[in-house]
Amino acid sequence: MEELKLEHDYCCPGCDTRPQGADLGRRTVIGGIAALAASSLGIAQAKKVKIGTCGQFLCLVPYEVAKRRGYFRELGLDVEIIWAKGGTQALQFMIGGAVDYSATSLDAVLQARQRGAKVVQVASSGRLPLFALATAPKTAGAIQAVKDLAGRTVAVSGLGNADHLMLQYLLKRAGVDPKGVQYATIGTNLFEALKQGQVEAGMVQEPALSLLKEAGGRELVNLMDFNQAKAFMGGPYAFMGLNIRSEEREERAGEIRRIAKAVEKGIQFVQTARANVIVDSLPKELIVGGDRKQLEAIIDRYRRSLYQSSLKLDRDAAERTVDIQQAAGVLPAGFKVDEALDFGILG
C-alpha cells in the first residue's frame, strides 16, 4: 500500500523517544570516572580511539559503562564515544574517517555492504533486536495479535530500516501479507504518533514501549525479551556489534581485542550490579529529564537478555539476521554471512 509520511521532530534514528532535555545529536561524552583516570595516568599514555554509535539508550549502555568506569583506560585506550543519529550515520562517520570504529546493528552493516561499503563487523555486543511491536492506546482493544494488523496503519522509522524489515517478517509469520499493511514512516519518534492515535501500531524501542504501556497501549511482540525472541525468531539475532573498515583489519586486530575485553567487562558489570548503580555510571546527558526509576526498571528487565557476556561473533545468530533480510528481499539469496563478519579476530 502507499507509504504514509508523518512529520515529527525526533531525537535521532535508532531511538524513538528519550528523556526530555537530553540532546542526542553528535557529541563527545566525557565520563567522570574515566576522566579522573585520565588525569592521574596522563592521556599521552593511552591510545586515542573514537567510536561512533547510535544514540539509542540500550545501545549505549555497555560502551558508556566501559568508558565511565575506566575499563578502556585500564587497557591503555582513551576512548571517545560519538553519539550519531542512528547506525547509518555512525557507519558514515567511520567510512569517512571521522571515527575509528562504529557500534551499530548488523542490519546496518549488511545494507552498507550492499551499497558497496567496505566494512565488516568484528565483535557482537547485543544478541537481540532493540524493537517491540505495540499498539496505540486507542487500538489496544481491537488489535490483540499480529494477525490483527491486516489493513491497518503501522509506524516504522523508515522503509528498509531494521524495524521495517522485522515488521515484515512478523507479519509474514502471522500469515499477513505485508503489502496489505500501510506503513507510516515517521523517523524515530514513533511514541508521540502512537500516543496521539495518528497510527494504529508501531515498531518502538525503550523507553517508548514502557511509556506506551503506561498510556494503555498493548505489547504485541517484544523482541528485546529473550523468550519472545526465541518464540518468534528461533533464537538469538545478531544485532549490535563493533565494526571496522575492512582494510584496517590487520593493523587494528590487537586494539579490537582490547576494546572487546573492556566492553565485556562493562557488560559483566551491567549484568550483576544494582540497576541504580548502573544508571549512576551513565552520562548525565542520557538521564536528564527522564524518569530515573523507569530507566532503572528498563535496564533491570533487559540486561540479561540483550547483552552477551562474550563479544565473539555468533554464526547462528548472524545467519538468522541474514535470513530475515533475505526473506524481506533486501539481501540476495546467495549472500554469505562471512562476507560481512570477520570471525578471526576474537576467535
C-alpha atoms as a PDB file:
ATOM      1  CA  MET A   1       0.000   0.000   0.000  1.00  0.00           C
ATOM      2  CA  GLU A   2       1.019   3.635  -0.302  1.00  0.00           C
ATOM      3  CA  GLU A   3       3.589   4.837   2.177  1.00  0.00           C
ATOM      4  CA  LEU A   4       2.254   7.416   4.623  1.00  0.00           C
ATOM      5  CA  LYS A   5       4.669  10.039   5.930  1.00  0.00           C
ATOM      6  CA  LEU A   6       4.016  11.937   9.144  1.00  0.00           C
ATOM      7  CA  GLU A   7       6.107  14.897  10.193  1.00  0.00           C
ATOM      8  CA  HIS A   8       7.505  14.760  13.725  1.00  0.00           C
ATOM      9  CA  ASP A   9      10.526  16.187  15.424  1.00  0.00           C
ATOM     10  CA  TYR A  10      12.648  13.364  16.701  1.00  0.00           C
ATOM     11  CA  CYS A  11      15.918  12.936  18.517  1.00  0.00           C
ATOM     12  CA  CYS A  12      17.798  10.544  16.284  1.00  0.00           C
ATOM     13  CA  PRO A  13      17.390   7.481  14.067  1.00  0.00           C
ATOM     14  CA  GLY A  14      17.930   4.498  16.314  1.00  0.00           C
ATOM     15  CA  CYS A  15      15.814   5.699  19.221  1.00  0.00           C
ATOM     16  CA  ASP A  16      12.132   6.559  19.248  1.00  0.00           C
ATOM     17  CA  THR A  17      11.976   8.582  22.418  1.00  0.00           C
ATOM     18  CA  ARG A  18      14.390   9.828  25.054  1.00  0.00           C
ATOM     19  CA  PRO A  19      14.453  11.599  28.389  1.00  0.00           C
ATOM     20  CA  GLN A  20      13.278  15.161  27.822  1.00  0.00           C
ATOM     21  CA  GLY A  21      16.115  17.654  27.708  1.00  0.00           C
ATOM     22  CA  ALA A  22      18.747  15.205  26.527  1.00  0.00           C
ATOM     23  CA  ASP A  23      20.396  16.196  23.244  1.00  0.00           C
ATOM     24  CA  LEU A  24      21.301  13.002  21.391  1.00  0.00           C
ATOM     25  CA  GLY A  25      22.950  14.632  18.414  1.00  0.00           C
ATOM     26  CA  ARG A  26      26.571  14.011  17.589  1.00  0.00           C
ATOM     27  CA  ARG A  27      28.533  14.680  20.757  1.00  0.00           C
ATOM     28  CA  THR A  28      31.525  13.696  22.812  1.00  0.00           C
ATOM     29  CA  VAL A  29      30.744  12.295  26.238  1.00  0.00           C
ATOM     30  CA  ILE A  30      33.466  12.682  28.845  1.00  0.00           C
ATOM     31  CA  GLY A  31      32.787  10.404  31.805  1.00  0.00           C
ATOM     32  CA  GLY A  32      33.643  11.201  35.391  1.00  0.00           C
ATOM     33  CA  ILE A  33      35.490   8.046  36.372  1.00  0.00           C
ATOM     34  CA  ALA A  34      37.379   7.785  33.093  1.00  0.00           C
ATOM     35  CA  ALA A  35      38.208  11.482  33.246  1.00  0.00           C
ATOM     36  CA  LEU A  36      39.699  11.075  36.721  1.00  0.00           C
ATOM     37  CA  ALA A  37      41.703   8.116  35.492  1.00  0.00           C
ATOM     38  CA  ALA A  38      42.932  10.163  32.546  1.00  0.00           C
ATOM     39  CA  SER A  39      44.124  12.967  34.797  1.00  0.00           C
ATOM     40  CA  SER A  40      46.067  10.590  37.027  1.00  0.00           C
ATOM     41  CA  LEU A  41      47.557   8.366  34.329  1.00  0.00           C
ATOM     42  CA  GLY A  42      48.122  11.026  31.682  1.00  0.00           C
ATOM     43  CA  ILE A  43      46.277  10.981  28.378  1.00  0.00           C
ATOM     44  CA  ALA A  44      49.567  10.613  26.481  1.00  0.00           C
ATOM     45  CA  GLN A  45      49.935   7.087  27.896  1.00  0.00           C
ATOM     46  CA  ALA A  46      46.715   5.894  26.289  1.00  0.00           C
ATOM     47  CA  LYS A  47      45.871   5.360  22.616  1.00  0.00           C
ATOM     48  CA  LYS A  48      43.149   7.728  21.433  1.00  0.00           C
ATOM     49  CA  VAL A  49      40.243   5.870  19.832  1.00  0.00           C
ATOM     50  CA  LYS A  50      36.936   7.214  18.512  1.00  0.00           C
ATOM     51  CA  ILE A  51      33.819   5.023  18.404  1.00  0.00           C
ATOM     52  CA  GLY A  52      30.682   6.267  16.673  1.00  0.00           C
ATOM     53  CA  THR A  53      27.456   4.709  17.906  1.00  0.00           C
ATOM     54  CA  CYS A  54      23.727   5.241  17.626  1.00  0.00           C
ATOM     55  CA  GLY A  55      22.200   7.350  20.393  1.00  0.00           C
ATOM     56  CA  GLN A  56      19.599   4.803  21.491  1.00  0.00           C
ATOM     57  CA  PHE A  57      19.563   4.264  25.257  1.00  0.00           C
ATOM     58  CA  LEU A  58      20.069   0.489  25.315  1.00  0.00           C
ATOM     59  CA  CYS A  59      22.690   0.605  22.509  1.00  0.00           C
ATOM     60  CA  LEU A  60      24.868   2.941  24.524  1.00  0.00           C
ATOM     61  CA  VAL A  61      24.816   1.229  27.919  1.00  0.00           C
ATOM     62  CA  PRO A  62      27.736  -1.279  27.541  1.00  0.00           C
ATOM     63  CA  TYR A  63      30.053   1.236  25.848  1.00  0.00           C
ATOM     64  CA  GLU A  64      29.317   4.138  28.178  1.00  0.00           C
ATOM     65  CA  VAL A  65      29.688   1.933  31.265  1.00  0.00           C
ATOM     66  CA  ALA A  66      33.031   0.641  29.968  1.00  0.00           C
ATOM     67  CA  LYS A  67      34.193   4.215  29.425  1.00  0.00           C
ATOM     68  CA  ARG A  68      32.952   5.835  32.598  1.00  0.00           C
ATOM     69  CA  ARG A  69      34.118   3.021  34.869  1.00  0.00           C
ATOM     70  CA  GLY A  70      37.610   3.209  33.357  1.00  0.00           C
ATOM     71  CA  TYR A  71      37.695  -0.211  31.688  1.00  0.00           C
ATOM     72  CA  PHE A  72      39.038   1.152  28.398  1.00  0.00           C
ATOM     73  CA  ARG A  73      41.638   3.188  30.263  1.00  0.00           C
ATOM     74  CA  GLU A  74      42.821   0.092  32.138  1.00  0.00           C
ATOM     75  CA  LEU A  75      43.716  -1.416  28.767  1.00  0.00           C
ATOM     76  CA  GLY A  76      45.576   1.652  27.504  1.00  0.00           C
ATOM     77  CA  LEU A  77      42.745   3.174  25.470  1.00  0.00           C
ATOM     78  CA  ASP A  78      41.481   6.757  25.642  1.00  0.00           C
ATOM     79  CA  VAL A  79      38.051   6.192  24.094  1.00  0.00           C
ATOM     80  CA  GLU A  80      35.851   8.987  22.808  1.00  0.00           C
ATOM     81  CA  ILE A  81      32.232   7.997  22.150  1.00  0.00           C
ATOM     82  CA  ILE A  82      30.425   9.915  19.421  1.00  0.00           C
ATOM     83  CA  TRP A  83      26.634   9.740  19.524  1.00  0.00           C
ATOM     84  CA  ALA A  84      25.465   9.612  15.903  1.00  0.00           C
ATOM     85  CA  LYS A  85      21.965   9.983  14.515  1.00  0.00           C
ATOM     86  CA  GLY A  86      21.455   6.250  14.127  1.00  0.00           C
ATOM     87  CA  GLY A  87      23.541   3.350  12.884  1.00  0.00           C
ATOM     88  CA  THR A  88      23.684   4.504   9.284  1.00  0.00           C
ATOM     89  CA  GLN A  89      25.249   7.819  10.256  1.00  0.00           C
ATOM     90  CA  ALA A  90      27.669   6.084  12.641  1.00  0.00           C
ATOM     91  CA  LEU A  91      28.822   3.919   9.738  1.00  0.00           C
ATOM     92  CA  GLN A  92      29.148   7.007   7.543  1.00  0.00           C
ATOM     93  CA  PHE A  93      31.336   8.622  10.196  1.00  0.00           C
ATOM     94  CA  MET A  94      33.591   5.565  10.133  1.00  0.00           C
ATOM     95  CA  ILE A  95      33.699   5.189   6.361  1.00  0.00           C
ATOM     96  CA  GLY A  96      34.590   8.879   6.066  1.00  0.00           C
ATOM     97  CA  GLY A  97      37.354   8.625   8.672  1.00  0.00           C
ATOM     98  CA  ALA A  98      35.720  10.774  11.363  1.00  0.00           C
ATOM     99  CA  VAL A  99      35.803   7.829  13.800  1.00  0.00           C
ATOM    100  CA  ASP A 100      37.913   4.679  14.016  1.00  0.00           C
ATOM    101  CA  TYR A 101      35.074   2.265  14.777  1.00  0.00           C
ATOM    102  CA  SER A 102      31.303   2.195  14.682  1.00  0.00           C
ATOM    103  CA  ALA A 103      28.977   0.326  17.029  1.00  0.00           C
ATOM    104  CA  THR A 104      25.800  -0.435  15.080  1.00  0.00           C
ATOM    105  CA  SER A 105      23.354  -3.182  14.225  1.00  0.00           C
ATOM    106  CA  LEU A 106      24.478  -5.928  11.879  1.00  0.00           C
ATOM    107  CA  ASP A 107      21.471  -4.975   9.736  1.00  0.00           C
ATOM    108  CA  ALA A 108      23.112  -1.602   9.037  1.00  0.00           C
ATOM    109  CA  VAL A 109      26.400  -3.289   8.095  1.00  0.00           C
ATOM    110  CA  LEU A 110      24.683  -5.709   5.713  1.00  0.00           C
ATOM    111  CA  GLN A 111      22.898  -2.888   3.936  1.00  0.00           C
ATOM    112  CA  ALA A 112      26.045  -0.748   3.795  1.00  0.00           C
ATOM    113  CA  ARG A 113      27.894  -3.597   2.112  1.00  0.00           C
ATOM    114  CA  GLN A 114      25.086  -3.908  -0.427  1.00  0.00           C
ATOM    115  CA  ARG A 115      25.776  -0.272  -1.299  1.00  0.00           C
ATOM    116  CA  GLY A 116      29.465  -1.070  -1.806  1.00  0.00           C
ATOM    117  CA  ALA A 117      30.913  -0.035   1.560  1.00  0.00           C
ATOM    118  CA  LYS A 118      33.992  -1.998   2.617  1.00  0.00           C
ATOM    119  CA  VAL A 119      33.085  -2.559   6.251  1.00  0.00           C
ATOM    120  CA  VAL A 120      32.919  -5.659   8.448  1.00  0.00           C
ATOM    121  CA  GLN A 121      31.627  -6.466  11.916  1.00  0.00           C
ATOM    122  CA  VAL A 122      34.297  -7.914  14.186  1.00  0.00           C
ATOM    123  CA  ALA A 123      32.538  -8.234  17.548  1.00  0.00           C
ATOM    124  CA  SER A 124      28.976  -8.605  18.803  1.00  0.00           C
ATOM    125  CA  SER A 125      27.697  -6.896  21.955  1.00  0.00           C
ATOM    126  CA  GLY A 126      23.945  -7.453  21.529  1.00  0.00           C
ATOM    127  CA  ARG A 127      22.083 -10.634  20.732  1.00  0.00           C
ATOM    128  CA  LEU A 128      18.526  -9.336  20.230  1.00  0.00           C
ATOM    129  CA  PRO A 129      16.862  -6.571  18.188  1.00  0.00           C
ATOM    130  CA  LEU A 130      16.017  -3.439  20.169  1.00  0.00           C
ATOM    131  CA  PHE A 131      12.424  -3.398  18.910  1.00  0.00           C
ATOM    132  CA  ALA A 132       8.940  -4.232  20.083  1.00  0.00           C
ATOM    133  CA  LEU A 133       5.661  -4.155  18.173  1.00  0.00           C
ATOM    134  CA  ALA A 134       2.974  -2.304  20.113  1.00  0.00           C
ATOM    135  CA  THR A 135      -0.445  -0.760  19.541  1.00  0.00           C
ATOM    136  CA  ALA A 136      -1.634   2.752  20.119  1.00  0.00           C
ATOM    137  CA  PRO A 137      -3.701   3.114  23.308  1.00  0.00           C
ATOM    138  CA  LYS A 138      -6.903   3.688  21.349  1.00  0.00           C
ATOM    139  CA  THR A 139      -6.480   0.476  19.281  1.00  0.00           C
ATOM    140  CA  ALA A 140      -5.330  -1.813  22.107  1.00  0.00           C
ATOM    141  CA  GLY A 141      -8.759  -3.437  22.315  1.00  0.00           C
ATOM    142  CA  ALA A 142      -9.154  -4.066  18.595  1.00  0.00           C
ATOM    143  CA  ILE A 143      -5.579  -5.205  17.893  1.00  0.00           C
ATOM    144  CA  GLN A 144      -4.669  -8.088  20.161  1.00  0.00           C
ATOM    145  CA  ALA A 145      -2.248 -10.040  17.958  1.00  0.00           C
ATOM    146  CA  VAL A 146      -0.012  -9.511  14.930  1.00  0.00           C
ATOM    147  CA  LYS A 147      -2.635 -11.059  12.638  1.00  0.00           C
ATOM    148  CA  ASP A 148      -4.976  -8.189  13.525  1.00  0.00           C
ATOM    149  CA  LEU A 149      -2.704  -5.721  11.720  1.00  0.00           C
ATOM    150  CA  ALA A 150      -4.060  -6.666   8.274  1.00  0.00           C
ATOM    151  CA  GLY A 151      -5.334  -3.469   6.633  1.00  0.00           C
ATOM    152  CA  ARG A 152      -4.005  -1.289   9.471  1.00  0.00           C
ATOM    153  CA  THR A 153      -1.520   1.615   9.517  1.00  0.00           C
ATOM    154  CA  VAL A 154       1.725   0.707  11.274  1.00  0.00           C
ATOM    155  CA  ALA A 155       4.564   3.133  12.031  1.00  0.00           C
ATOM    156  CA  VAL A 156       8.213   2.427  11.267  1.00  0.00           C
ATOM    157  CA  SER A 157      11.262   4.680  11.268  1.00  0.00           C
ATOM    158  CA  GLY A 158      11.747   4.305   7.513  1.00  0.00           C
ATOM    159  CA  LEU A 159      11.216   1.846   4.679  1.00  0.00           C
ATOM    160  CA  GLY A 160      14.107  -0.622   4.503  1.00  0.00           C
ATOM    161  CA  ASN A 161      15.256   0.137   8.054  1.00  0.00           C
ATOM    162  CA  ALA A 162      15.771  -2.714  10.516  1.00  0.00           C
ATOM    163  CA  ASP A 163      12.421  -2.139  12.227  1.00  0.00           C
ATOM    164  CA  HIS A 164      10.577  -2.210   8.888  1.00  0.00           C
ATOM    165  CA  LEU A 165      12.264  -5.480   7.877  1.00  0.00           C
ATOM    166  CA  MET A 166      11.500  -7.020  11.262  1.00  0.00           C
ATOM    167  CA  LEU A 167       7.863  -5.946  10.995  1.00  0.00           C
ATOM    168  CA  GLN A 168       7.560  -7.555   7.563  1.00  0.00           C
ATOM    169  CA  TYR A 169       8.989 -10.769   8.980  1.00  0.00           C
ATOM    170  CA  LEU A 170       6.497 -10.759  11.876  1.00  0.00           C
ATOM    171  CA  LEU A 171       3.591 -10.081   9.506  1.00  0.00           C
ATOM    172  CA  LYS A 172       4.527 -12.943   7.182  1.00  0.00           C
ATOM    173  CA  ARG A 173       4.961 -15.254  10.156  1.00  0.00           C
ATOM    174  CA  ALA A 174       1.430 -14.372  11.309  1.00  0.00           C
ATOM    175  CA  GLY A 175       0.008 -15.009   7.842  1.00  0.00           C
ATOM    176  CA  VAL A 176      -0.470 -11.336   6.975  1.00  0.00           C
ATOM    177  CA  ASP A 177       0.558 -10.066   3.539  1.00  0.00           C
ATOM    178  CA  PRO A 178       2.979  -7.165   4.192  1.00  0.00           C
ATOM    179  CA  LYS A 179       1.563  -5.432   1.103  1.00  0.00           C
ATOM    180  CA  GLY A 180      -1.792  -5.280   2.847  1.00  0.00           C
ATOM    181  CA  VAL A 181      -0.428  -3.026   5.589  1.00  0.00           C
ATOM    182  CA  GLN A 182       0.084   0.721   5.260  1.00  0.00           C
ATOM    183  CA  TYR A 183       3.452   1.898   6.588  1.00  0.00           C
ATOM    184  CA  ALA A 184       3.731   5.330   8.169  1.00  0.00           C
ATOM    185  CA  THR A 185       7.348   6.478   8.043  1.00  0.00           C
ATOM    186  CA  ILE A 186       7.821   8.843  10.953  1.00  0.00           C
ATOM    187  CA  GLY A 187      11.529   8.849  11.640  1.00  0.00           C
ATOM    188  CA  THR A 188      12.124   7.541  15.115  1.00  0.00           C
ATOM    189  CA  ASN A 189       9.789   9.483  17.382  1.00  0.00           C
ATOM    190  CA  LEU A 190       7.015   6.933  16.978  1.00  0.00           C
ATOM    191  CA  PHE A 191       5.874   7.372  20.559  1.00  0.00           C
ATOM    192  CA  GLU A 192       4.009  10.658  20.068  1.00  0.00           C
ATOM    193  CA  ALA A 193       2.276   9.470  16.894  1.00  0.00           C
ATOM    194  CA  LEU A 194       1.082   6.328  18.683  1.00  0.00           C
ATOM    195  CA  LYS A 195       0.071   8.142  21.844  1.00  0.00           C
ATOM    196  CA  GLN A 196      -1.957  10.659  19.843  1.00  0.00           C
ATOM    197  CA  GLY A 197      -3.592   7.918  17.780  1.00  0.00           C
ATOM    198  CA  GLN A 198      -2.218   9.090  14.428  1.00  0.00           C
ATOM    199  CA  VAL A 199      -1.208   5.486  13.686  1.00  0.00           C
ATOM    200  CA  GLU A 200      -2.650   2.216  14.943  1.00  0.00           C
ATOM    201  CA  ALA A 201       0.521   0.350  15.845  1.00  0.00           C
ATOM    202  CA  GLY A 202       4.294   0.735  15.514  1.00  0.00           C
ATOM    203  CA  MET A 203       7.757  -0.708  15.999  1.00  0.00           C
ATOM    204  CA  VAL A 204       9.122   1.014  19.103  1.00  0.00           C
ATOM    205  CA  GLN A 205      12.125   0.859  21.395  1.00  0.00           C
ATOM    206  CA  GLU A 206      12.661   1.693  25.048  1.00  0.00           C
ATOM    207  CA  PRO A 207      11.671   3.797  26.895  1.00  0.00           C
ATOM    208  CA  ALA A 208       8.867   4.348  24.356  1.00  0.00           C
ATOM    209  CA  LEU A 209       7.465   0.844  24.931  1.00  0.00           C
ATOM    210  CA  SER A 210       7.179   1.365  28.683  1.00  0.00           C
ATOM    211  CA  LEU A 211       5.573   4.788  28.183  1.00  0.00           C
ATOM    212  CA  LEU A 212       3.076   3.396  25.682  1.00  0.00           C
ATOM    213  CA  LYS A 213       2.037   0.572  28.006  1.00  0.00           C
ATOM    214  CA  GLU A 214       1.528   3.081  30.803  1.00  0.00           C
ATOM    215  CA  ALA A 215      -0.732   5.060  28.451  1.00  0.00           C
ATOM    216  CA  GLY A 216      -2.805   1.975  27.656  1.00  0.00           C
ATOM    217  CA  GLY A 217      -1.055   0.572  24.581  1.00  0.00           C
ATOM    218  CA  ARG A 218      -0.677  -3.174  24.059  1.00  0.00           C
ATOM    219  CA  GLU A 219       2.625  -5.013  23.643  1.00  0.00           C
ATOM    220  CA  LEU A 220       2.165  -7.480  20.763  1.00  0.00           C
ATOM    221  CA  VAL A 221       5.711  -8.756  20.361  1.00  0.00           C
ATOM    222  CA  ASN A 222       8.773  -7.721  22.358  1.00  0.00           C
ATOM    223  CA  LEU A 223      11.925  -8.891  20.614  1.00  0.00           C
ATOM    224  CA  MET A 224      14.055  -7.452  23.440  1.00  0.00           C
ATOM    225  CA  ASP A 225      12.747 -10.289  25.628  1.00  0.00           C
ATOM    226  CA  PHE A 226      14.781 -13.472  25.072  1.00  0.00           C
ATOM    227  CA  ASN A 227      11.863 -15.881  25.457  1.00  0.00           C
ATOM    228  CA  GLN A 228       9.733 -13.941  22.986  1.00  0.00           C
ATOM    229  CA  ALA A 229      12.643 -13.614  20.550  1.00  0.00           C
ATOM    230  CA  LYS A 230      13.170 -17.360  20.717  1.00  0.00           C
ATOM    231  CA  ALA A 231       9.463 -17.995  20.128  1.00  0.00           C
ATOM    232  CA  PHE A 232       9.190 -15.620  17.147  1.00  0.00           C
ATOM    233  CA  MET A 233      12.666 -15.932  15.576  1.00  0.00           C
ATOM    234  CA  GLY A 234      14.004 -19.248  16.826  1.00  0.00           C
ATOM    235  CA  GLY A 235      16.841 -17.853  18.918  1.00  0.00           C
ATOM    236  CA  PRO A 236      19.368 -15.008  19.206  1.00  0.00           C
ATOM    237  CA  TYR A 237      19.517 -12.409  16.437  1.00  0.00           C
ATOM    238  CA  ALA A 238      22.876 -10.719  15.841  1.00  0.00           C
ATOM    239  CA  PHE A 239      22.207  -7.027  16.352  1.00  0.00           C
ATOM    240  CA  MET A 240      24.616  -4.570  17.988  1.00  0.00           C
ATOM    241  CA  GLY A 241      28.303  -5.019  17.228  1.00  0.00           C
ATOM    242  CA  LEU A 242      31.644  -3.322  16.599  1.00  0.00           C
ATOM    243  CA  ASN A 243      32.629  -2.539  13.005  1.00  0.00           C
ATOM    244  CA  ILE A 244      35.817  -1.540  11.204  1.00  0.00           C
ATOM    245  CA  ARG A 245      36.927  -0.518   7.747  1.00  0.00           C
ATOM    246  CA  SER A 246      37.872  -3.800   6.048  1.00  0.00           C
ATOM    247  CA  GLU A 247      41.360  -2.693   5.034  1.00  0.00           C
ATOM    248  CA  GLU A 248      42.343  -1.935   8.647  1.00  0.00           C
ATOM    249  CA  ARG A 249      41.727  -5.428   9.937  1.00  0.00           C
ATOM    250  CA  GLU A 250      45.360  -6.432  10.450  1.00  0.00           C
ATOM    251  CA  GLU A 251      46.621  -3.197  11.972  1.00  0.00           C
ATOM    252  CA  ARG A 252      43.743  -2.941  14.443  1.00  0.00           C
ATOM    253  CA  ALA A 253      43.413  -6.602  15.494  1.00  0.00           C
ATOM    254  CA  GLY A 254      45.162  -6.128  18.851  1.00  0.00           C
ATOM    255  CA  GLU A 255      43.263  -2.927  19.570  1.00  0.00           C
ATOM    256  CA  ILE A 256      39.960  -4.643  18.768  1.00  0.00           C
ATOM    257  CA  ARG A 257      40.709  -7.339  21.331  1.00  0.00           C
ATOM    258  CA  ARG A 258      41.312  -4.669  23.987  1.00  0.00           C
ATOM    259  CA  ILE A 259      38.082  -2.870  23.121  1.00  0.00           C
ATOM    260  CA  ALA A 260      36.191  -6.161  23.287  1.00  0.00           C
ATOM    261  CA  LYS A 261      37.694  -7.023  26.642  1.00  0.00           C
ATOM    262  CA  ALA A 262      36.710  -3.633  28.089  1.00  0.00           C
ATOM    263  CA  VAL A 263      33.140  -3.857  26.750  1.00  0.00           C
ATOM    264  CA  GLU A 264      32.838  -7.421  28.075  1.00  0.00           C
ATOM    265  CA  LYS A 265      33.830  -6.113  31.482  1.00  0.00           C
ATOM    266  CA  GLY A 266      31.220  -3.366  31.097  1.00  0.00           C
ATOM    267  CA  ILE A 267      28.557  -5.950  30.248  1.00  0.00           C
ATOM    268  CA  GLN A 268      29.552  -8.072  33.240  1.00  0.00           C
ATOM    269  CA  PHE A 269      29.032  -5.008  35.440  1.00  0.00           C
ATOM    270  CA  VAL A 270      25.661  -4.279  33.796  1.00  0.00           C
ATOM    271  CA  GLN A 271      24.509  -7.847  34.353  1.00  0.00           C
ATOM    272  CA  THR A 272      25.488  -8.008  38.024  1.00  0.00           C
ATOM    273  CA  ALA A 273      25.357  -4.519  39.549  1.00  0.00           C
ATOM    274  CA  ARG A 274      22.277  -2.903  41.048  1.00  0.00           C
ATOM    275  CA  ALA A 275      20.262  -1.004  38.445  1.00  0.00           C
ATOM    276  CA  ASN A 276      20.615   2.316  40.286  1.00  0.00           C
ATOM    277  CA  VAL A 277      24.409   1.930  40.286  1.00  0.00           C
ATOM    278  CA  ILE A 278      24.357   1.227  36.554  1.00  0.00           C
ATOM    279  CA  VAL A 279      22.364   4.394  35.917  1.00  0.00           C
ATOM    280  CA  ASP A 280      24.899   6.286  38.048  1.00  0.00           C
ATOM    281  CA  SER A 281      27.556   5.018  35.610  1.00  0.00           C
ATOM    282  CA  LEU A 282      25.865   6.586  32.574  1.00  0.00           C
ATOM    283  CA  PRO A 283      26.333  10.128  31.236  1.00  0.00           C
ATOM    284  CA  LYS A 284      24.028  12.685  32.805  1.00  0.00           C
ATOM    285  CA  GLU A 285      23.002  13.770  29.307  1.00  0.00           C
ATOM    286  CA  LEU A 286      21.420  10.348  28.816  1.00  0.00           C
ATOM    287  CA  ILE A 287      19.385  10.585  32.017  1.00  0.00           C
ATOM    288  CA  VAL A 288      18.464  14.264  32.446  1.00  0.00           C
ATOM    289  CA  GLY A 289      14.747  14.975  32.365  1.00  0.00           C
ATOM    290  CA  GLY A 290      13.767  11.298  32.314  1.00  0.00           C
ATOM    291  CA  ASP A 291      12.078   9.056  34.842  1.00  0.00           C
ATOM    292  CA  ARG A 292      15.093   7.605  36.621  1.00  0.00           C
ATOM    293  CA  LYS A 293      13.140   4.782  38.247  1.00  0.00           C
ATOM    294  CA  GLN A 294      11.708   3.811  34.878  1.00  0.00           C
ATOM    295  CA  LEU A 295      15.172   3.742  33.298  1.00  0.00           C
ATOM    296  CA  GLU A 296      16.396   1.555  36.153  1.00  0.00           C
ATOM    297  CA  ALA A 297      13.462  -0.809  35.584  1.00  0.00           C
ATOM    298  CA  ILE A 298      14.233  -0.972  31.841  1.00  0.00           C
ATOM    299  CA  ILE A 299      17.851  -1.881  32.487  1.00  0.00           C
ATOM    300  CA  ASP A 300      16.825  -4.442  35.094  1.00  0.00           C
ATOM    301  CA  ARG A 301      14.371  -6.089  32.701  1.00  0.00           C
ATOM    302  CA  TYR A 302      16.629  -6.407  29.663  1.00  0.00           C
ATOM    303  CA  ARG A 303      20.240  -6.533  30.829  1.00  0.00           C
ATOM    304  CA  ARG A 304      20.473 -10.334  30.874  1.00  0.00           C
ATOM    305  CA  SER A 305      18.618 -10.903  27.620  1.00  0.00           C
ATOM    306  CA  LEU A 306      20.080  -8.173  25.396  1.00  0.00           C
ATOM    307  CA  TYR A 307      23.795  -8.311  26.112  1.00  0.00           C
ATOM    308  CA  GLN A 308      26.087 -11.273  25.599  1.00  0.00           C
ATOM    309  CA  SER A 309      28.929 -11.914  28.036  1.00  0.00           C
ATOM    310  CA  SER A 310      31.403 -12.666  25.245  1.00  0.00           C
ATOM    311  CA  LEU A 311      31.797 -10.368  22.240  1.00  0.00           C
ATOM    312  CA  LYS A 312      32.723 -13.278  19.981  1.00  0.00           C
ATOM    313  CA  LEU A 313      30.566 -13.364  16.870  1.00  0.00           C
ATOM    314  CA  ASP A 314      27.772 -15.938  16.932  1.00  0.00           C
ATOM    315  CA  ARG A 315      27.458 -17.513  13.486  1.00  0.00           C
ATOM    316  CA  ASP A 316      23.976 -18.942  14.070  1.00  0.00           C
ATOM    317  CA  ALA A 317      22.665 -15.585  15.301  1.00  0.00           C
ATOM    318  CA  ALA A 318      24.273 -13.782  12.343  1.00  0.00           C
ATOM    319  CA  GLU A 319      22.782 -16.236   9.861  1.00  0.00           C
ATOM    320  CA  ARG A 320      19.374 -15.631  11.431  1.00  0.00           C
ATOM    321  CA  THR A 321      19.830 -11.904  10.743  1.00  0.00           C
ATOM    322  CA  VAL A 322      20.807 -12.613   7.138  1.00  0.00           C
ATOM    323  CA  ASP A 323      17.848 -14.984   6.691  1.00  0.00           C
ATOM    324  CA  ILE A 324      15.372 -12.324   7.817  1.00  0.00           C
ATOM    325  CA  GLN A 325      16.879  -9.725   5.473  1.00  0.00           C
ATOM    326  CA  GLN A 326      16.792 -12.222   2.604  1.00  0.00           C
ATOM    327  CA  ALA A 327      13.143 -13.004   3.374  1.00  0.00           C
ATOM    328  CA  ALA A 328      12.427  -9.267   3.130  1.00  0.00           C
ATOM    329  CA  GLY A 329      14.190  -9.113  -0.240  1.00  0.00           C
ATOM    330  CA  VAL A 330      16.980  -6.810   0.971  1.00  0.00           C
ATOM    331  CA  LEU A 331      19.817  -9.319   0.546  1.00  0.00           C
ATOM    332  CA  PRO A 332      20.308 -11.627  -2.456  1.00  0.00           C
ATOM    333  CA  ALA A 333      19.641 -15.321  -1.945  1.00  0.00           C
ATOM    334  CA  GLY A 334      23.313 -16.244  -2.359  1.00  0.00           C
ATOM    335  CA  PHE A 335      24.647 -13.825   0.271  1.00  0.00           C
ATOM    336  CA  LYS A 336      27.058 -15.476   2.724  1.00  0.00           C
ATOM    337  CA  VAL A 337      27.431 -14.257   6.294  1.00  0.00           C
ATOM    338  CA  ASP A 338      31.254 -14.424   6.042  1.00  0.00           C
ATOM    339  CA  GLU A 339      31.130 -11.524   3.600  1.00  0.00           C
ATOM    340  CA  ALA A 340      30.124  -9.130   6.373  1.00  0.00           C
ATOM    341  CA  LEU A 341      31.661 -10.631   9.502  1.00  0.00           C
ATOM    342  CA  ASP A 342      35.258 -11.314  10.476  1.00  0.00           C
ATOM    343  CA  PHE A 343      35.272 -14.354  12.754  1.00  0.00           C
ATOM    344  CA  GLY A 344      39.064 -14.495  13.005  1.00  0.00           C
ATOM    345  CA  ILE A 345      39.948 -11.661  15.393  1.00  0.00           C
ATOM    346  CA  LEU A 346      38.128 -12.764  18.551  1.00  0.00           C
ATOM    347  CA  GLY A 347      38.016 -16.445  17.599  1.00  0.00           C
END
